[in-house]
Amino acid sequence: MSRTITTGAITGLALAVFASCGPSIAARVDDGVITTRVRTALLYDTALAVRRLTVVTVDGVVSLSGVVGSAAEAERAVDLARRVSGVRDVQSQLTIGSGATGLEPEARSP
């Protein structure tokens, strides 16, 4: 009987610890998945000539920064990001200009 109570107490404590950590761990995983999906959408879109872009996701809010070729490309990048499942909002700090092409190495979320 004592062993059952001890096992139950340990299990309950473990569940309480994981439950308290769960949302933040899950949010970081979800943010990483969202970032990867947005980066993939930007990279494989044929209408978007990707220049230098950085994608960071925090709590489902995607921040795009970097250089695109035109205002239409900036709008397209924001639209593509908004279409990704799990994205709550998109913040754009995109600038228009020329520059080396490609996505920046993945930035770590805080």
Protein backbone atom coordinates (compact mmCIF):
# COMPACT_ATOMS: atom_id res chain seq x y z
CA MET A 1 0.00 0.00 0.00
CA SER A 2 2.82 2.39 0.89
CA ARG A 3 4.54 1.69 -2.42
CA THR A 4 1.32 2.46 -4.33
CA ILE A 5 0.93 5.78 -2.53
CA THR A 6 4.58 6.70 -3.15
CA THR A 7 4.34 5.77 -6.83
CA GLY A 8 1.11 7.76 -7.12
CA ALA A 9 2.69 10.77 -5.42
CA ILE A 10 5.74 10.66 -7.69
CA THR A 11 3.55 10.30 -10.77
CA GLY A 12 1.38 13.22 -9.64
CA LEU A 13 4.42 15.38 -8.96
CA ALA A 14 5.92 14.54 -12.35
CA LEU A 15 2.65 15.40 -14.09
CA ALA A 16 2.47 18.71 -12.23
CA VAL A 17 6.04 19.60 -13.23
CA PHE A 18 5.50 18.68 -16.88
CA ALA A 19 2.16 20.48 -16.97
CA SER A 20 3.78 23.67 -15.70
CA CYS A 21 6.55 23.42 -18.32
CA GLY A 22 4.33 22.08 -21.09
CA PRO A 23 2.96 25.24 -22.68
CA SER A 24 6.33 26.96 -22.98
CA ILE A 25 8.01 23.85 -24.41
CA ALA A 26 5.08 23.27 -26.75
CA ALA A 27 5.13 26.93 -27.81
CA ARG A 28 8.83 26.76 -28.67
CA VAL A 29 8.29 23.60 -30.71
CA ASP A 30 5.29 25.14 -32.46
CA ASP A 31 7.24 28.33 -33.16
CA GLY A 32 10.07 26.28 -34.66
CA VAL A 33 7.65 24.37 -36.86
CA ILE A 34 5.96 27.59 -37.96
CA THR A 35 9.33 29.19 -38.78
CA THR A 36 10.34 26.17 -40.85
CA ARG A 37 7.02 26.14 -42.72
CA VAL A 38 7.20 29.87 -43.46
CA ARG A 39 10.82 29.59 -44.65
CA THR A 40 9.83 26.67 -46.90
CA ALA A 41 6.86 28.57 -48.33
CA LEU A 42 9.06 31.58 -49.10
CA LEU A 43 11.83 29.50 -50.61
CA TYR A 44 9.61 27.46 -52.94
CA ASP A 45 7.27 30.21 -54.12
CA THR A 46 7.99 30.81 -57.81
CA ALA A 47 6.51 34.34 -57.77
CA LEU A 48 8.90 35.48 -55.05
CA ALA A 49 12.54 36.20 -55.84
CA VAL A 50 13.86 35.74 -52.34
CA ARG A 51 16.68 38.11 -51.44
CA ARG A 52 17.96 38.14 -47.86
CA LEU A 53 15.17 37.25 -45.46
CA THR A 54 15.09 36.36 -41.80
CA VAL A 55 12.10 34.61 -40.26
CA VAL A 56 11.56 34.59 -36.48
CA THR A 57 8.47 33.26 -34.73
CA VAL A 58 7.53 34.00 -31.13
CA ASP A 59 4.20 32.79 -29.74
CA GLY A 60 2.83 32.31 -33.26
CA VAL A 61 3.76 35.84 -34.36
CA VAL A 62 6.05 35.73 -37.39
CA SER A 63 8.54 38.55 -37.98
CA LEU A 64 9.94 38.92 -41.47
CA SER A 65 12.98 41.09 -42.05
CA GLY A 66 15.42 41.54 -44.87
CA VAL A 67 15.47 42.63 -48.49
CA VAL A 68 12.95 41.93 -51.26
CA GLY A 69 12.93 43.18 -54.85
CA SER A 70 9.65 45.10 -54.81
CA ALA A 71 6.62 46.12 -52.79
CA ALA A 72 4.68 43.31 -54.49
CA GLU A 73 7.26 40.79 -53.27
CA ALA A 74 7.00 42.17 -49.73
CA GLU A 75 3.21 41.78 -49.85
CA ARG A 76 3.59 38.27 -51.29
CA ALA A 77 6.00 37.25 -48.50
CA VAL A 78 3.60 38.51 -45.82
CA ASP A 79 0.67 36.77 -47.52
CA LEU A 80 2.56 33.47 -47.72
CA ALA A 81 3.51 33.69 -44.05
CA ARG A 82 -0.11 34.41 -43.05
CA ARG A 83 -1.28 31.27 -44.86
CA VAL A 84 0.89 28.98 -42.74
CA SER A 85 -1.04 27.01 -40.14
CA GLY A 86 -0.51 28.30 -36.61
CA VAL A 87 0.49 31.84 -37.58
CA ARG A 88 -1.38 34.33 -35.40
CA ASP A 89 0.07 37.49 -36.95
CA VAL A 90 2.85 38.64 -39.29
CA GLN A 91 5.07 41.64 -38.63
CA SER A 92 7.03 42.89 -41.63
CA GLN A 93 10.26 44.80 -41.45
CA LEU A 94 11.02 44.01 -45.09
CA THR A 95 12.89 46.58 -47.17
CA ILE A 96 12.94 46.95 -50.93
CA GLY A 97 16.27 46.89 -52.69
CA SER A 98 18.91 44.69 -54.17
CA GLY A 99 21.13 42.30 -52.28
CA ALA A 100 22.41 38.78 -52.17
CA THR A 101 19.69 36.17 -52.54
CA GLY A 102 18.73 33.53 -50.06
CA LEU A 103 17.28 33.03 -46.64
CA GLU A 104 19.38 33.97 -43.66
CA PRO A 105 20.44 31.14 -41.35
CA GLU A 106 17.60 30.35 -39.00
CA ALA A 107 17.49 32.76 -36.08
CA ARG A 108 16.88 31.33 -32.65
CA SER A 109 13.71 32.46 -30.91
CA PRO A 110 14.28 34.07 -27.50
